[in-house]
């Protein structure tokens, strides 16, 4: 169970550290 939590937190950390490089900006442009 801890392994899953670590993976989830790692993904969130990566998204937070690179918001403009990846899916966040693309998703916002597609949605809007």
N, C-alpha and C. Protein backbone atom coordinates (compact mmCIF):
# COMPACT_ATOMS: atom_id res chain seq x y z
N UNK A 1 0.83 -1.20 0.00
CA UNK A 1 0.00 0.00 0.00
C UNK A 1 0.87 1.26 0.00
N UNK A 2 1.99 1.20 0.73
CA UNK A 2 2.87 2.37 0.74
C UNK A 2 3.49 2.60 -0.64
N UNK A 3 3.76 1.51 -1.37
CA UNK A 3 4.36 1.66 -2.68
C UNK A 3 3.44 2.44 -3.61
N UNK A 4 2.15 2.14 -3.56
CA UNK A 4 1.20 2.87 -4.41
C UNK A 4 1.16 4.34 -4.03
N UNK A 5 1.16 4.62 -2.74
CA UNK A 5 1.14 6.02 -2.30
C UNK A 5 2.39 6.76 -2.79
N UNK A 6 3.53 6.09 -2.74
CA UNK A 6 4.77 6.73 -3.19
C UNK A 6 4.70 7.01 -4.69
N UNK A 7 4.16 6.06 -5.46
CA UNK A 7 4.06 6.29 -6.90
C UNK A 7 3.13 7.45 -7.21
N UNK A 8 2.00 7.50 -6.50
CA UNK A 8 1.05 8.58 -6.74
C UNK A 8 1.67 9.93 -6.40
N UNK A 9 2.32 10.00 -5.24
CA UNK A 9 2.94 11.27 -4.83
C UNK A 9 4.04 11.66 -5.81
N UNK A 10 4.76 10.67 -6.34
CA UNK A 10 5.83 10.97 -7.29
C UNK A 10 5.25 11.55 -8.57
N UNK A 11 4.15 10.99 -9.05
CA UNK A 11 3.51 11.52 -10.25
C UNK A 11 3.03 12.94 -10.02
N UNK A 12 2.42 13.18 -8.86
CA UNK A 12 1.94 14.52 -8.55
C UNK A 12 3.10 15.50 -8.47
N UNK A 13 4.19 15.07 -7.86
CA UNK A 13 5.36 15.94 -7.74
C UNK A 13 5.92 16.28 -9.12
N UNK A 14 5.97 15.29 -10.00
CA UNK A 14 6.48 15.55 -11.35
C UNK A 14 5.58 16.54 -12.08
N UNK A 15 4.26 16.37 -11.96
CA UNK A 15 3.34 17.29 -12.62
C UNK A 15 3.48 18.70 -12.05
N UNK A 16 3.65 18.78 -10.74
CA UNK A 16 3.77 20.09 -10.10
C UNK A 16 5.08 20.77 -10.50
N UNK A 17 6.14 19.99 -10.66
CA UNK A 17 7.43 20.58 -10.98
C UNK A 17 7.50 20.97 -12.46
N UNK A 18 6.74 20.32 -13.31
CA UNK A 18 6.76 20.66 -14.74
C UNK A 18 5.34 20.89 -15.27
N UNK A 19 4.65 21.95 -14.83
CA UNK A 19 3.27 22.17 -15.25
C UNK A 19 3.16 22.65 -16.69
N UNK A 20 4.17 23.38 -17.18
CA UNK A 20 4.05 23.97 -18.51
C UNK A 20 4.58 23.04 -19.59
N UNK A 21 5.37 22.03 -19.20
CA UNK A 21 6.02 21.19 -20.21
C UNK A 21 5.12 20.09 -20.73
N UNK A 22 4.13 19.66 -19.93
CA UNK A 22 3.47 18.42 -20.30
C UNK A 22 1.97 18.52 -20.48
N UNK A 23 1.25 17.63 -19.80
CA UNK A 23 -0.16 17.40 -20.12
C UNK A 23 -1.05 18.52 -19.60
N UNK A 24 -0.60 19.23 -18.56
CA UNK A 24 -1.49 20.23 -17.97
C UNK A 24 -1.80 21.33 -18.97
N UNK A 25 -0.78 21.91 -19.60
CA UNK A 25 -1.03 22.98 -20.56
C UNK A 25 -1.80 22.45 -21.76
N UNK A 26 -1.47 21.25 -22.21
CA UNK A 26 -2.17 20.67 -23.34
C UNK A 26 -3.63 20.42 -23.03
N UNK A 27 -3.89 19.89 -21.82
CA UNK A 27 -5.27 19.63 -21.44
C UNK A 27 -6.06 20.92 -21.33
N UNK A 28 -5.45 21.96 -20.79
CA UNK A 28 -6.16 23.23 -20.64
C UNK A 28 -6.49 23.79 -22.00
N UNK A 29 -5.56 23.71 -22.94
CA UNK A 29 -5.83 24.25 -24.28
C UNK A 29 -6.93 23.45 -24.96
N UNK A 30 -6.90 22.13 -24.80
CA UNK A 30 -7.92 21.30 -25.44
C UNK A 30 -9.29 21.56 -24.84
N UNK A 31 -9.34 21.68 -23.49
CA UNK A 31 -10.63 21.90 -22.83
C UNK A 31 -11.18 23.27 -23.19
N UNK A 32 -10.34 24.28 -23.20
CA UNK A 32 -10.82 25.62 -23.49
C UNK A 32 -10.83 25.83 -25.01
